[in-house]
Amino acid sequence: MLTPFHLAIHVTDLDAARAFYGGVLGCAEGRATDTWVDFDFFGHQLSLHLGAPFATADTGRVGEHMVAMPHFGMVLALEDWRALAARLEAVGTDWVIAPTVRFAGEPGEQWTMFLRDPFGNPLEFKGFREMSAVFSR
């Protein structure tokens, strides 16, 4: 069993963070103060602190797309990924890369979607039919 990671990033508005991470992504809120809030980010601890979001540059190649580096996100079971993709579609997400499949029929076949949170923090979500394929070559 994997142990949870902890990641702390900046956001500029805690209410907007709650609406996106709690409302749209469905992450349960944990502890909070007037300057930060924790979320259960798919079993991991994500701490959102007031401040300027980290700088990124579109230097990561994903197929024919250039995506923001650094970025973070989650690897999900395909059924959970599809449910999240549907929630994001329903709220009119402005995609960096719309939900799509990569490496179809190959080892490591995966579904992916890239977006930015309301503060510009880049997120990637991957879906796998079999979690054992996450590290396949």
N, C-alpha and C. Protein backbone atom coordinates (compact mmCIF):
# COMPACT_ATOMS: atom_id res chain seq x y z
N MET A 1 0.84 -1.19 0.00
CA MET A 1 0.00 0.00 0.00
C MET A 1 0.88 1.24 0.00
N LEU A 2 0.54 2.20 -0.84
CA LEU A 2 1.29 3.45 -0.89
C LEU A 2 0.95 4.31 0.32
N THR A 3 1.94 5.06 0.76
CA THR A 3 1.67 6.03 1.82
C THR A 3 1.34 7.36 1.17
N PRO A 4 0.52 8.17 1.82
CA PRO A 4 0.12 9.45 1.23
C PRO A 4 1.29 10.43 1.11
N PHE A 5 1.30 11.18 0.02
CA PHE A 5 2.26 12.27 -0.09
C PHE A 5 1.61 13.54 0.44
N HIS A 6 2.45 14.54 0.71
CA HIS A 6 1.98 15.86 1.12
C HIS A 6 2.54 16.85 0.12
N LEU A 7 1.70 17.72 -0.39
CA LEU A 7 2.12 18.77 -1.31
C LEU A 7 1.46 20.06 -0.86
N ALA A 8 2.23 21.12 -0.76
CA ALA A 8 1.71 22.44 -0.40
C ALA A 8 1.99 23.39 -1.56
N ILE A 9 0.94 24.08 -2.02
CA ILE A 9 1.08 25.03 -3.11
C ILE A 9 0.31 26.30 -2.75
N HIS A 10 0.56 27.33 -3.54
CA HIS A 10 -0.12 28.61 -3.32
C HIS A 10 -1.38 28.73 -4.17
N VAL A 11 -2.35 29.42 -3.60
CA VAL A 11 -3.56 29.86 -4.29
C VAL A 11 -3.81 31.31 -3.86
N THR A 12 -4.65 31.99 -4.58
CA THR A 12 -4.88 33.40 -4.24
C THR A 12 -6.21 33.65 -3.54
N ASP A 13 -7.06 32.62 -3.42
CA ASP A 13 -8.38 32.80 -2.82
C ASP A 13 -8.84 31.46 -2.24
N LEU A 14 -8.99 31.39 -0.93
CA LEU A 14 -9.37 30.13 -0.31
C LEU A 14 -10.81 29.71 -0.63
N ASP A 15 -11.71 30.67 -0.79
CA ASP A 15 -13.08 30.31 -1.14
C ASP A 15 -13.14 29.71 -2.54
N ALA A 16 -12.41 30.30 -3.48
CA ALA A 16 -12.35 29.74 -4.84
C ALA A 16 -11.66 28.38 -4.82
N ALA A 17 -10.67 28.22 -3.97
CA ALA A 17 -9.99 26.92 -3.84
C ALA A 17 -10.97 25.87 -3.33
N ARG A 18 -11.77 26.23 -2.33
CA ARG A 18 -12.77 25.30 -1.80
C ARG A 18 -13.78 24.92 -2.88
N ALA A 19 -14.20 25.91 -3.68
CA ALA A 19 -15.17 25.64 -4.74
C ALA A 19 -14.60 24.67 -5.78
N PHE A 20 -13.32 24.84 -6.14
CA PHE A 20 -12.73 23.98 -7.16
C PHE A 20 -12.32 22.63 -6.60
N TYR A 21 -11.44 22.64 -5.59
CA TYR A 21 -10.92 21.37 -5.07
C TYR A 21 -11.99 20.58 -4.32
N GLY A 22 -12.83 21.27 -3.57
CA GLY A 22 -13.89 20.59 -2.85
C GLY A 22 -15.10 20.32 -3.73
N GLY A 23 -15.59 21.38 -4.38
CA GLY A 23 -16.82 21.27 -5.17
C GLY A 23 -16.65 20.53 -6.48
N VAL A 24 -15.71 20.95 -7.30
CA VAL A 24 -15.54 20.36 -8.64
C VAL A 24 -14.82 19.02 -8.56
N LEU A 25 -13.66 18.99 -7.90
CA LEU A 25 -12.88 17.75 -7.85
C LEU A 25 -13.43 16.76 -6.83
N GLY A 26 -14.22 17.23 -5.88
CA GLY A 26 -14.82 16.34 -4.89
C GLY A 26 -13.89 15.93 -3.76
N CYS A 27 -12.88 16.74 -3.48
CA CYS A 27 -11.93 16.45 -2.41
C CYS A 27 -12.49 16.93 -1.07
N ALA A 28 -12.41 16.08 -0.05
CA ALA A 28 -12.90 16.45 1.28
C ALA A 28 -11.95 17.45 1.93
N GLU A 29 -12.53 18.46 2.56
CA GLU A 29 -11.73 19.46 3.25
C GLU A 29 -11.28 18.94 4.61
N GLY A 30 -10.06 19.26 4.96
CA GLY A 30 -9.51 18.91 6.27
C GLY A 30 -9.37 20.16 7.12
N ARG A 31 -8.24 20.25 7.82
CA ARG A 31 -8.00 21.41 8.69
C ARG A 31 -7.81 22.67 7.85
N ALA A 32 -8.05 23.81 8.50
CA ALA A 32 -7.90 25.09 7.80
C ALA A 32 -7.67 26.20 8.82
N THR A 33 -7.06 27.27 8.34
CA THR A 33 -6.95 28.51 9.10
C THR A 33 -7.40 29.61 8.15
N ASP A 34 -7.15 30.86 8.52
CA ASP A 34 -7.51 31.95 7.61
C ASP A 34 -6.49 32.13 6.50
N THR A 35 -5.38 31.36 6.49
CA THR A 35 -4.36 31.49 5.44
C THR A 35 -4.09 30.21 4.67
N TRP A 36 -4.70 29.08 5.07
CA TRP A 36 -4.50 27.83 4.33
C TRP A 36 -5.65 26.87 4.59
N VAL A 37 -5.77 25.88 3.70
CA VAL A 37 -6.75 24.82 3.85
C VAL A 37 -6.16 23.53 3.30
N ASP A 38 -6.41 22.43 4.02
CA ASP A 38 -5.98 21.10 3.57
C ASP A 38 -7.13 20.40 2.87
N PHE A 39 -6.78 19.57 1.88
CA PHE A 39 -7.75 18.72 1.21
C PHE A 39 -7.23 17.30 1.14
N ASP A 40 -8.16 16.35 1.20
CA ASP A 40 -7.87 14.96 0.92
C ASP A 40 -7.89 14.84 -0.60
N PHE A 41 -6.71 14.93 -1.20
CA PHE A 41 -6.56 14.94 -2.66
C PHE A 41 -6.38 13.48 -3.11
N PHE A 42 -7.52 12.78 -3.22
CA PHE A 42 -7.51 11.38 -3.67
C PHE A 42 -6.62 10.52 -2.77
N GLY A 43 -6.73 10.75 -1.46
CA GLY A 43 -5.96 9.97 -0.50
C GLY A 43 -4.64 10.58 -0.09
N HIS A 44 -4.33 11.76 -0.62
CA HIS A 44 -3.07 12.45 -0.32
C HIS A 44 -3.40 13.82 0.28
N GLN A 45 -2.44 14.38 1.00
CA GLN A 45 -2.68 15.67 1.65
C GLN A 45 -2.20 16.82 0.76
N LEU A 46 -3.13 17.63 0.34
CA LEU A 46 -2.83 18.82 -0.46
C LEU A 46 -3.14 20.03 0.40
N SER A 47 -2.13 20.85 0.67
CA SER A 47 -2.29 22.06 1.47
C SER A 47 -2.23 23.26 0.55
N LEU A 48 -3.27 24.07 0.59
CA LEU A 48 -3.36 25.26 -0.25
C LEU A 48 -3.18 26.48 0.63
N HIS A 49 -2.11 27.21 0.40
CA HIS A 49 -1.76 28.39 1.19
C HIS A 49 -1.94 29.64 0.35
N LEU A 50 -2.36 30.72 0.99
CA LEU A 50 -2.46 31.99 0.27
C LEU A 50 -1.08 32.47 -0.16
N GLY A 51 -0.97 32.85 -1.42
CA GLY A 51 0.29 33.35 -1.96
C GLY A 51 0.27 33.29 -3.48
N ALA A 52 1.38 33.65 -4.08
CA ALA A 52 1.49 33.64 -5.54
C ALA A 52 1.78 32.22 -6.02
N PRO A 53 0.93 31.67 -6.93
CA PRO A 53 1.18 30.33 -7.46
C PRO A 53 2.56 30.23 -8.11
N PHE A 54 3.10 28.99 -8.12
CA PHE A 54 4.44 28.78 -8.66
C PHE A 54 4.49 29.06 -10.16
N ALA A 55 5.66 29.49 -10.61
CA ALA A 55 5.86 29.78 -12.03
C ALA A 55 5.97 28.47 -12.80
N THR A 56 5.42 28.46 -14.00
CA THR A 56 5.51 27.29 -14.86
C THR A 56 5.91 27.72 -16.26
N ALA A 57 6.36 26.75 -17.05
CA ALA A 57 6.67 27.00 -18.46
C ALA A 57 6.21 25.79 -19.26
N ASP A 58 5.69 26.02 -20.44
CA ASP A 58 5.19 24.93 -21.28
C ASP A 58 6.37 24.24 -21.98
N THR A 59 7.08 23.42 -21.20
CA THR A 59 8.29 22.76 -21.71
C THR A 59 8.18 21.23 -21.70
N GLY A 60 7.06 20.70 -21.20
CA GLY A 60 6.89 19.24 -21.16
C GLY A 60 6.13 18.77 -22.39
N ARG A 61 6.71 17.81 -23.12
CA ARG A 61 6.06 17.30 -24.33
C ARG A 61 5.20 16.10 -23.98
N VAL A 62 3.92 16.17 -24.33
CA VAL A 62 2.98 15.06 -24.21
C VAL A 62 2.38 14.88 -25.59
N GLY A 63 2.90 13.89 -26.32
CA GLY A 63 2.47 13.71 -27.71
C GLY A 63 2.84 14.95 -28.50
N GLU A 64 1.84 15.57 -29.12
CA GLU A 64 2.08 16.78 -29.91
C GLU A 64 1.85 18.05 -29.10
N HIS A 65 1.56 17.92 -27.83
CA HIS A 65 1.27 19.06 -26.97
C HIS A 65 2.46 19.41 -26.09
N MET A 66 2.59 20.68 -25.79
CA MET A 66 3.54 21.14 -24.79
C MET A 66 2.72 21.51 -23.56
N VAL A 67 3.12 20.96 -22.42
CA VAL A 67 2.37 21.19 -21.18
C VAL A 67 3.26 21.86 -20.15
N ALA A 68 2.61 22.45 -19.16
CA ALA A 68 3.31 23.20 -18.12
C ALA A 68 4.15 22.28 -17.25
N MET A 69 5.33 22.76 -16.98
CA MET A 69 6.24 22.10 -16.04
C MET A 69 6.61 23.13 -14.99
N PRO A 70 6.63 22.80 -13.73
CA PRO A 70 6.16 21.53 -13.20
C PRO A 70 4.64 21.46 -13.19
N HIS A 71 4.13 20.25 -13.04
CA HIS A 71 2.70 20.04 -12.83
C HIS A 71 2.55 18.84 -11.89
N PHE A 72 1.35 18.66 -11.38
CA PHE A 72 1.08 17.51 -10.53
C PHE A 72 -0.33 17.03 -10.81
N GLY A 73 -0.68 15.92 -10.24
CA GLY A 73 -2.02 15.38 -10.42
C GLY A 73 -2.12 14.01 -9.80
N MET A 74 -2.96 13.17 -10.38
CA MET A 74 -3.20 11.84 -9.82
C MET A 74 -3.31 10.80 -10.92
N VAL A 75 -2.97 9.58 -10.53
CA VAL A 75 -3.22 8.41 -11.35
C VAL A 75 -4.43 7.72 -10.72
N LEU A 76 -5.47 7.54 -11.52
CA LEU A 76 -6.73 6.99 -11.02
C LEU A 76 -7.11 5.72 -11.78
N ALA A 77 -7.92 4.90 -11.14
CA ALA A 77 -8.55 3.79 -11.85
C ALA A 77 -9.42 4.40 -12.95
N LEU A 78 -9.51 3.73 -14.09
CA LEU A 78 -10.19 4.30 -15.25
C LEU A 78 -11.63 4.73 -14.94
N GLU A 79 -12.36 3.95 -14.17
CA GLU A 79 -13.74 4.31 -13.83
C GLU A 79 -13.78 5.63 -13.06
N ASP A 80 -12.87 5.82 -12.11
CA ASP A 80 -12.80 7.07 -11.35
C ASP A 80 -12.36 8.22 -12.23
N TRP A 81 -11.42 7.97 -13.14
CA TRP A 81 -10.95 8.99 -14.08
C TRP A 81 -12.11 9.46 -14.96
N ARG A 82 -12.88 8.51 -15.48
CA ARG A 82 -14.02 8.87 -16.34
C ARG A 82 -15.06 9.70 -15.57
N ALA A 83 -15.30 9.36 -14.32
CA ALA A 83 -16.25 10.14 -13.52
C ALA A 83 -15.73 11.55 -13.30
N LEU A 84 -14.43 11.69 -13.02
CA LEU A 84 -13.84 13.02 -12.84
C LEU A 84 -13.89 13.81 -14.14
N ALA A 85 -13.57 13.16 -15.25
CA ALA A 85 -13.63 13.83 -16.56
C ALA A 85 -15.04 14.35 -16.83
N ALA A 86 -16.04 13.56 -16.50
CA ALA A 86 -17.44 14.00 -16.71
C ALA A 86 -17.77 15.20 -15.84
N ARG A 87 -17.31 15.20 -14.57
CA ARG A 87 -17.55 16.36 -13.70
C ARG A 87 -16.87 17.61 -14.26
N LEU A 88 -15.64 17.45 -14.72
CA LEU A 88 -14.91 18.59 -15.28
C LEU A 88 -15.55 19.09 -16.57
N GLU A 89 -16.01 18.18 -17.41
CA GLU A 89 -16.72 18.57 -18.64
C GLU A 89 -17.99 19.35 -18.29
N ALA A 90 -18.70 18.87 -17.27
CA ALA A 90 -19.99 19.49 -16.89
C ALA A 90 -19.84 20.93 -16.43
N VAL A 91 -18.67 21.29 -15.88
CA VAL A 91 -18.48 22.67 -15.43
C VAL A 91 -17.78 23.53 -16.49
N GLY A 92 -17.61 22.98 -17.70
CA GLY A 92 -17.04 23.77 -18.79
C GLY A 92 -15.55 24.03 -18.66
N THR A 93 -14.80 23.03 -18.22
CA THR A 93 -13.36 23.18 -18.04
C THR A 93 -12.68 23.65 -19.32
N ASP A 94 -11.78 24.59 -19.16
CA ASP A 94 -10.94 25.08 -20.26
C ASP A 94 -9.71 24.17 -20.30
N TRP A 95 -9.71 23.20 -21.19
CA TRP A 95 -8.68 22.17 -21.23
C TRP A 95 -7.36 22.64 -21.80
N VAL A 96 -6.28 22.18 -21.24
CA VAL A 96 -4.97 22.24 -21.89
C VAL A 96 -4.90 21.07 -22.86
N ILE A 97 -5.25 19.87 -22.37
CA ILE A 97 -5.46 18.69 -23.21
C ILE A 97 -6.77 18.06 -22.74
N ALA A 98 -7.76 18.04 -23.61
CA ALA A 98 -9.06 17.44 -23.28
C ALA A 98 -8.88 15.95 -23.02
N PRO A 99 -9.80 15.34 -22.28
CA PRO A 99 -9.70 13.90 -22.00
C PRO A 99 -9.47 13.09 -23.28
N THR A 100 -8.43 12.27 -23.23
CA THR A 100 -8.04 11.49 -24.40
C THR A 100 -7.28 10.25 -23.96
N VAL A 101 -7.17 9.29 -24.87
CA VAL A 101 -6.38 8.09 -24.59
C VAL A 101 -5.04 8.22 -25.29
N ARG A 102 -3.99 7.74 -24.61
CA ARG A 102 -2.64 7.71 -25.19
C ARG A 102 -2.14 6.28 -25.16
N PHE A 103 -1.31 5.95 -26.10
CA PHE A 103 -0.69 4.62 -26.18
C PHE A 103 -1.75 3.52 -26.28
N ALA A 104 -2.82 3.78 -27.04
CA ALA A 104 -3.91 2.81 -27.17
C ALA A 104 -3.38 1.46 -27.66
N GLY A 105 -3.78 0.41 -26.95
CA GLY A 105 -3.38 -0.95 -27.33
C GLY A 105 -1.95 -1.32 -27.00
N GLU A 106 -1.21 -0.40 -26.39
CA GLU A 106 0.19 -0.66 -26.04
C GLU A 106 0.33 -0.84 -24.54
N PRO A 107 1.48 -1.40 -24.10
CA PRO A 107 1.71 -1.41 -22.66
C PRO A 107 1.70 0.03 -22.15
N GLY A 108 1.10 0.25 -21.02
CA GLY A 108 1.01 1.61 -20.49
C GLY A 108 -0.11 2.43 -21.07
N GLU A 109 -1.05 1.77 -21.78
CA GLU A 109 -2.21 2.50 -22.29
C GLU A 109 -2.81 3.32 -21.15
N GLN A 110 -3.09 4.59 -21.43
CA GLN A 110 -3.60 5.48 -20.38
C GLN A 110 -4.48 6.56 -20.96
N TRP A 111 -5.39 7.02 -20.14
CA TRP A 111 -6.23 8.16 -20.48
C TRP A 111 -5.65 9.34 -19.71
N THR A 112 -5.66 10.50 -20.32
CA THR A 112 -5.09 11.67 -19.67
C THR A 112 -5.93 12.91 -19.94
N MET A 113 -5.80 13.87 -19.05
CA MET A 113 -6.39 15.20 -19.24
C MET A 113 -5.54 16.19 -18.46
N PHE A 114 -5.31 17.33 -19.08
CA PHE A 114 -4.53 18.42 -18.47
C PHE A 114 -5.42 19.65 -18.37
N LEU A 115 -5.31 20.34 -17.24
CA LEU A 115 -6.05 21.57 -17.02
C LEU A 115 -5.29 22.42 -16.02
N ARG A 116 -5.77 23.61 -15.80
CA ARG A 116 -5.23 24.48 -14.75
C ARG A 116 -6.33 24.77 -13.75
N ASP A 117 -5.96 24.83 -12.47
CA ASP A 117 -6.94 25.21 -11.46
C ASP A 117 -7.24 26.71 -11.62
N PRO A 118 -8.15 27.27 -10.85
CA PRO A 118 -8.50 28.68 -11.02
C PRO A 118 -7.34 29.65 -10.78
N PHE A 119 -6.23 29.16 -10.27
CA PHE A 119 -5.08 30.02 -9.94
C PHE A 119 -3.93 29.82 -10.91
N GLY A 120 -4.13 28.97 -11.91
CA GLY A 120 -3.10 28.71 -12.90
C GLY A 120 -2.22 27.51 -12.58
N ASN A 121 -2.45 26.84 -11.45
CA ASN A 121 -1.65 25.66 -11.12
C ASN A 121 -2.01 24.53 -12.09
N PRO A 122 -1.03 23.96 -12.80
CA PRO A 122 -1.32 22.92 -13.79
C PRO A 122 -1.53 21.55 -13.13
N LEU A 123 -2.56 20.86 -13.62
CA LEU A 123 -2.94 19.55 -13.10
C LEU A 123 -3.04 18.55 -14.24
N GLU A 124 -2.59 17.33 -13.99
CA GLU A 124 -2.78 16.23 -14.93
C GLU A 124 -3.44 15.08 -14.18
N PHE A 125 -4.43 14.49 -14.80
CA PHE A 125 -5.06 13.30 -14.26
C PHE A 125 -4.94 12.19 -15.29
N LYS A 126 -4.44 11.04 -14.83
CA LYS A 126 -4.29 9.88 -15.70
C LYS A 126 -5.23 8.79 -15.22
N GLY A 127 -5.75 8.01 -16.17
CA GLY A 127 -6.60 6.88 -15.84
C GLY A 127 -6.04 5.61 -16.45
N PHE A 128 -6.06 4.54 -15.67
CA PHE A 128 -5.57 3.24 -16.13
C PHE A 128 -6.62 2.18 -15.90
N ARG A 129 -6.79 1.34 -16.91
CA ARG A 129 -7.70 0.20 -16.80
C ARG A 129 -7.18 -0.77 -15.75
N GLU A 130 -5.85 -0.97 -15.73
CA GLU A 130 -5.18 -1.83 -14.74
C GLU A 130 -4.07 -1.01 -14.10
N MET A 131 -4.14 -0.81 -12.80
CA MET A 131 -3.12 -0.02 -12.12
C MET A 131 -1.73 -0.63 -12.23
N SER A 132 -1.65 -1.92 -12.47
CA SER A 132 -0.35 -2.58 -12.64
C SER A 132 0.35 -2.09 -13.90
N ALA A 133 -0.36 -1.41 -14.79
CA ALA A 133 0.24 -0.92 -16.04
C ALA A 133 0.86 0.46 -15.91
N VAL A 134 0.76 1.08 -14.73
CA VAL A 134 1.27 2.45 -14.56
C VAL A 134 2.73 2.56 -14.96
N PHE A 135 3.54 1.57 -14.64
CA PHE A 135 4.97 1.64 -14.92
C PHE A 135 5.38 0.75 -16.09
N SER A 136 4.41 0.32 -16.91
CA SER A 136 4.71 -0.55 -18.05
C SER A 136 5.52 0.19 -19.09
N ARG A 137 6.36 -0.56 -19.78
CA ARG A 137 7.13 0.03 -20.89
C ARG A 137 6.64 -0.49 -22.21
